[in-house]
C-alpha cells in the first residue's frame, strides 16, 4: 500500500521534459554529472519529499538506514531500457519504489561511445538512500560489461557502433592474422547493414551481389547473406556458386529448413544430384522431420540409396504418389535413390506421360539410376521431339554412372554430336557440345573419344565454344593444353572463360607461366585472373581501389597471405568512417583477411 501511494504521488508530480545534452566524448564523471539532476529530481524531490510529508515518521519506509543500489541499463540513444536492484535495502516497498522512480526517467542525453559495454548498453549503478545525501553522485558509477569478442562485435554492430566493434576485432590480432570467428561475425553483421535500414545506391547492388558469390566466401557469411536475399534468382545464383563446396550446400540446406520450402528443396536437390552424398545424416534426420511433404519425400531418397535392396513397400509407397502434385517429387525421389528397381516404374510412366515437363523429369530421373537399360533409354530420348526432353537426356547421359557406362557413352557421343550440328534449339546445341567434351575427355586414349574431342572443338559459334571451354577438365593434360591455347584467343570472353576454368589447377607451372603476363594486361578482368601470380605486395596493391569489388577481394586474399597488417591498416579508415560507400569498399579487404585468419 505504501509503495502504491508513493508511486502514484511520484508519477503525478514528475515533470515530463528535460533538456537533452550531448557532448563529444565526456569522461564517466562528466556523464554521471549530466544524469545527477534527473536522478535527484525523481528521488530527492519526489519520492523522499512525499514520503516525509505523507508518511508517519515511524513508518518502515522512513527508516534512515534504508539504502538500495540499482542498475540502470541505457541504450545508445539515452533511453533506460531496464533497471534492477543489485543491493537490496531489505524493505520491498523501498526497493520497488526505487525501481519505479528510475524507470520513469526520460530525456537523458546519449551516452558517449566509450561507456558502451559489449552488450551495446551503458550500465549505470546508483545508490539511493532514505537519509542525506539521498542520491549523491558519489554513490554512482559506470561499469563495463565484457563479452567474448564474437558476442561483443555482434552487439556493437547491431547497435550501429562500428568503431568499438572494430576495436574489439583488432584485439584478436596476432601477427597480422585476426580470429576467424571474430572476423566472420564482423563481416556478417556489417553485411546485414546493407539491407534495411542501411541502403546503397542502385548501381552498388550488382557489384555487391557478385562479391557475395565469391568462391571463398566464408560459409557463416554465405548462410547469413542468403537469408538477406529476397530475390529467388539471386538465391539460385548463390546456390550455384556454392555447388562446388558440399559443406556450403549442407549449411544452406540446414538453414533454409527453418524458413523456406522452395529454397530447402533447391538446396536438397543440389545435394542429391551428387554421386557422393555429404551430410546424409542431417538430410535423413532433419529433412525427414520437416513439416513440408516435398522435403520429407526427397529426404527419403538417402535411406533408399543406402539400403542394400529396394523393399517392395518403398516401391509401392512412391508409385502410389505418381499422380497430382506429388508426382514430380516422387519421380525425383526415385531417381535420386539410384536404385535400379525403379527403372520399370519410371519407364512405364514415361511411355504414358504426354506433358513435356513431366517427361523431362522422368528422363532426368532415369539417368540417375545405376542400371544398364537406363543408359540406353537416355540415348533413345536424345531423338525426342521436345527440346526439354532432349536437354534432360543429354544431362542424364553425362550423369549416368550405371553398368556399361563407357559403352553407352561411346554410342551416345555420336547422337549427341548430331545435335551439336543440327538441333534447332540453340540451348540444346550448347549443352550437347559441352556433353561431348565431358564424355570424350574421360579417356582420350580411346580413338573414338579422341576423334570427337578434336571434332567438336572446331566449332566456330562463340556460345558453343564457351560452353565447351566450361566443360574442359583442366586436370586432363590434353584439355589443359586446349585451355591454355584459348588464353590467346582473339575473343576476350573466350580468353576469360579459359582462365576461369584453369583456376581449378592454378598451382600448375604451365598455367602459371601462361597467366603471369596477364598481370600487366589492359583488361582489368585479365589482371584479376593473374593476381595470384604477382611477385610482391606492391604489385598486388597497385591500383587496388580502382578494381571491381570481386577483383579487389581476390587481390586482398592474396595480399593477406603475404601481409595481413597491410590490409588491416587499409581497412581501418574505411570502417571508421561508417559511411555506406566506405563500408562497401572495406568489405573486399575484410573478406581478403579471411585468407590467413586464425
Foldseek 3Di string as FASTA:
>chain_A
DVLVVLLVQLVVPDDDDDAADDDAADDFVVLLVQCVVLLCCSAVVRRLVCCVVPPDCPPPLLDQQFKWKKKFKAAQAGQGPAMDTPGGRPDPSNRVSSRSSVNPRDNYYGHGPVQQALQRIWIKMWMAGSDPVRTDSVRIGIDHDHDQLLSSLLNCLVSVNLVVNLVSQCVQDDQLFTALSSLLSNLQSLVVCCAPPNDDPPVVPVLVLVQLLFLPFDLVSLQSVLVVDPDPVSNLSSLVSCLVPLVSLVSNLVSCLVPHPVSNLVSLLSQLLDPDHPPLVCQQVVQCPGPDPLSVLLNVLSVLLPDPAHDPVNQVVLLVQCDDPCNLSSLQSLLSNLAPVCLVVLVVCLVVDDDLVVNLSSLLSLLSHQDVVNLVVLLVQCPPPDPSNVLSSLVSLLSHDHPPNLVSLLVSLVSLVVCLVDPPDPVSNLSSLLSLQQSLLVDCVDPSSVVSNVVSCVDDDVSSNLSNLLNQQCVRPVSVVVLLVQCPPPDPVSVLSSLVNCVVVCVDPVNLVSLCVLCPPPDLSSVLSNLLNDDDLVSLPVCLLVHRLNSNLSSLLNNLVVRSVVLSVVLVVLSVVSDPVSSSSSSSNSNSSSNRHD
